[in-house]
Amino acid sequence: MNEITASMAGTVLQVLVSEGDKISEGQVVIMLESMKMEIPIESEQKGKIASIKVDIGDFVNEDDVLLVLE
């Protein structure tokens, strides 16, 4: 399985996909907030969302797993 991870520490502001969604390379899947800036997290590959590992409001650290792809 492939994972999408946080590029930096921050708070999950938006989850823009749902389990089962098909995504494309470069698609923004999660928005983080860090130091009052919005940080888009993009998928580096196409795939299908197998599971979402975070909820809105969760604090994540750099390299934490956000989403798992099939």
C-alpha atoms as a PDB file:
ATOM      1  CA  MET A   1       0.000   0.000   0.000  1.00  0.00           C
ATOM      2  CA  ASN A   2       1.024   3.575  -0.580  1.00  0.00           C
ATOM      3  CA  GLU A   3       0.729   6.392   1.917  1.00  0.00           C
ATOM      4  CA  ILE A   4       0.359  10.154   1.740  1.00  0.00           C
ATOM      5  CA  THR A   5       2.232  11.854   4.569  1.00  0.00           C
ATOM      6  CA  ALA A   6       2.402  15.346   6.049  1.00  0.00           C
ATOM      7  CA  SER A   7       5.127  17.530   4.569  1.00  0.00           C
ATOM      8  CA  MET A   8       5.293  19.568   7.782  1.00  0.00           C
ATOM      9  CA  ALA A   9       3.739  19.750  11.240  1.00  0.00           C
ATOM     10  CA  GLY A  10       0.345  21.406  11.474  1.00  0.00           C
ATOM     11  CA  THR A  11      -3.354  21.093  12.178  1.00  0.00           C
ATOM     12  CA  VAL A  12      -5.696  19.353   9.728  1.00  0.00           C
ATOM     13  CA  LEU A  13      -7.904  22.136   8.354  1.00  0.00           C
ATOM     14  CA  GLN A  14      -9.776  20.217   5.610  1.00  0.00           C
ATOM     15  CA  VAL A  15      -9.990  16.661   4.316  1.00  0.00           C
ATOM     16  CA  LEU A  16     -10.904  17.048   0.648  1.00  0.00           C
ATOM     17  CA  VAL A  17     -11.430  13.351  -0.190  1.00  0.00           C
ATOM     18  CA  SER A  18     -13.441  10.416   1.124  1.00  0.00           C
ATOM     19  CA  GLU A  19     -12.638   6.724   1.418  1.00  0.00           C
ATOM     20  CA  GLY A  20     -13.189   5.082  -1.956  1.00  0.00           C
ATOM     21  CA  ASP A  21     -12.471   8.243  -3.969  1.00  0.00           C
ATOM     22  CA  LYS A  22     -10.189   7.939  -6.970  1.00  0.00           C
ATOM     23  CA  ILE A  23      -7.512  10.631  -7.003  1.00  0.00           C
ATOM     24  CA  SER A  24      -5.038  11.872  -9.566  1.00  0.00           C
ATOM     25  CA  GLU A  25      -1.390  12.809  -9.300  1.00  0.00           C
ATOM     26  CA  GLY A  26      -1.041  16.389  -8.045  1.00  0.00           C
ATOM     27  CA  GLN A  27      -4.558  16.529  -6.583  1.00  0.00           C
ATOM     28  CA  VAL A  28      -4.838  18.404  -3.277  1.00  0.00           C
ATOM     29  CA  VAL A  29      -6.232  15.903  -0.758  1.00  0.00           C
ATOM     30  CA  ILE A  30      -5.746  17.633   2.614  1.00  0.00           C
ATOM     31  CA  MET A  31      -5.215  21.193   3.802  1.00  0.00           C
ATOM     32  CA  LEU A  32      -3.037  21.754   6.848  1.00  0.00           C
ATOM     33  CA  GLU A  33      -2.711  24.955   8.836  1.00  0.00           C
ATOM     34  CA  SER A  34       0.725  25.795  10.162  1.00  0.00           C
ATOM     35  CA  MET A  35       1.894  29.158  11.491  1.00  0.00           C
ATOM     36  CA  LYS A  36      -1.387  30.730  10.238  1.00  0.00           C
ATOM     37  CA  MET A  37      -0.656  29.565   6.664  1.00  0.00           C
ATOM     38  CA  GLU A  38      -2.667  27.015   4.695  1.00  0.00           C
ATOM     39  CA  ILE A  39      -0.480  24.186   3.391  1.00  0.00           C
ATOM     40  CA  PRO A  40      -1.962  22.013   0.602  1.00  0.00           C
ATOM     41  CA  ILE A  41      -1.000  18.331   0.692  1.00  0.00           C
ATOM     42  CA  GLU A  42      -0.971  16.865  -2.812  1.00  0.00           C
ATOM     43  CA  SER A  43      -0.962  13.249  -3.903  1.00  0.00           C
ATOM     44  CA  GLU A  44       2.265  12.221  -5.609  1.00  0.00           C
ATOM     45  CA  GLN A  45       0.463   9.480  -7.549  1.00  0.00           C
ATOM     46  CA  LYS A  46      -2.954   8.438  -8.754  1.00  0.00           C
ATOM     47  CA  GLY A  47      -4.904   5.841  -6.825  1.00  0.00           C
ATOM     48  CA  LYS A  48      -7.941   5.089  -4.697  1.00  0.00           C
ATOM     49  CA  ILE A  49      -8.325   6.181  -1.056  1.00  0.00           C
ATOM     50  CA  ALA A  50      -8.302   3.055   1.132  1.00  0.00           C
ATOM     51  CA  SER A  51      -8.428   4.867   4.485  1.00  0.00           C
ATOM     52  CA  ILE A  52      -8.194   8.308   6.041  1.00  0.00           C
ATOM     53  CA  LYS A  53      -5.992   8.364   9.142  1.00  0.00           C
ATOM     54  CA  VAL A  54      -6.771  11.901  10.398  1.00  0.00           C
ATOM     55  CA  ASP A  55      -9.762  14.051  11.317  1.00  0.00           C
ATOM     56  CA  ILE A  56     -10.292  17.799  11.015  1.00  0.00           C
ATOM     57  CA  GLY A  57      -8.608  19.475  13.991  1.00  0.00           C
ATOM     58  CA  ASP A  58      -5.972  16.769  14.501  1.00  0.00           C
ATOM     59  CA  PHE A  59      -2.382  17.939  14.973  1.00  0.00           C
ATOM     60  CA  VAL A  60       0.091  16.025  12.817  1.00  0.00           C
ATOM     61  CA  ASN A  61       3.872  15.962  12.721  1.00  0.00           C
ATOM     62  CA  GLU A  62       6.061  15.917   9.623  1.00  0.00           C
ATOM     63  CA  ASP A  63       5.933  12.475   7.935  1.00  0.00           C
ATOM     64  CA  ASP A  64       2.793  11.348   9.821  1.00  0.00           C
ATOM     65  CA  VAL A  65       0.529   9.191   7.618  1.00  0.00           C
ATOM     66  CA  LEU A  66      -2.577  11.108   6.506  1.00  0.00           C
ATOM     67  CA  LEU A  67      -4.085   8.793   3.891  1.00  0.00           C
ATOM     68  CA  VAL A  68      -3.520   5.256   2.668  1.00  0.00           C
ATOM     69  CA  LEU A  69      -4.017   4.378  -1.014  1.00  0.00           C
ATOM     70  CA  GLU A  70      -4.958   0.965  -2.419  1.00  0.00           C
END
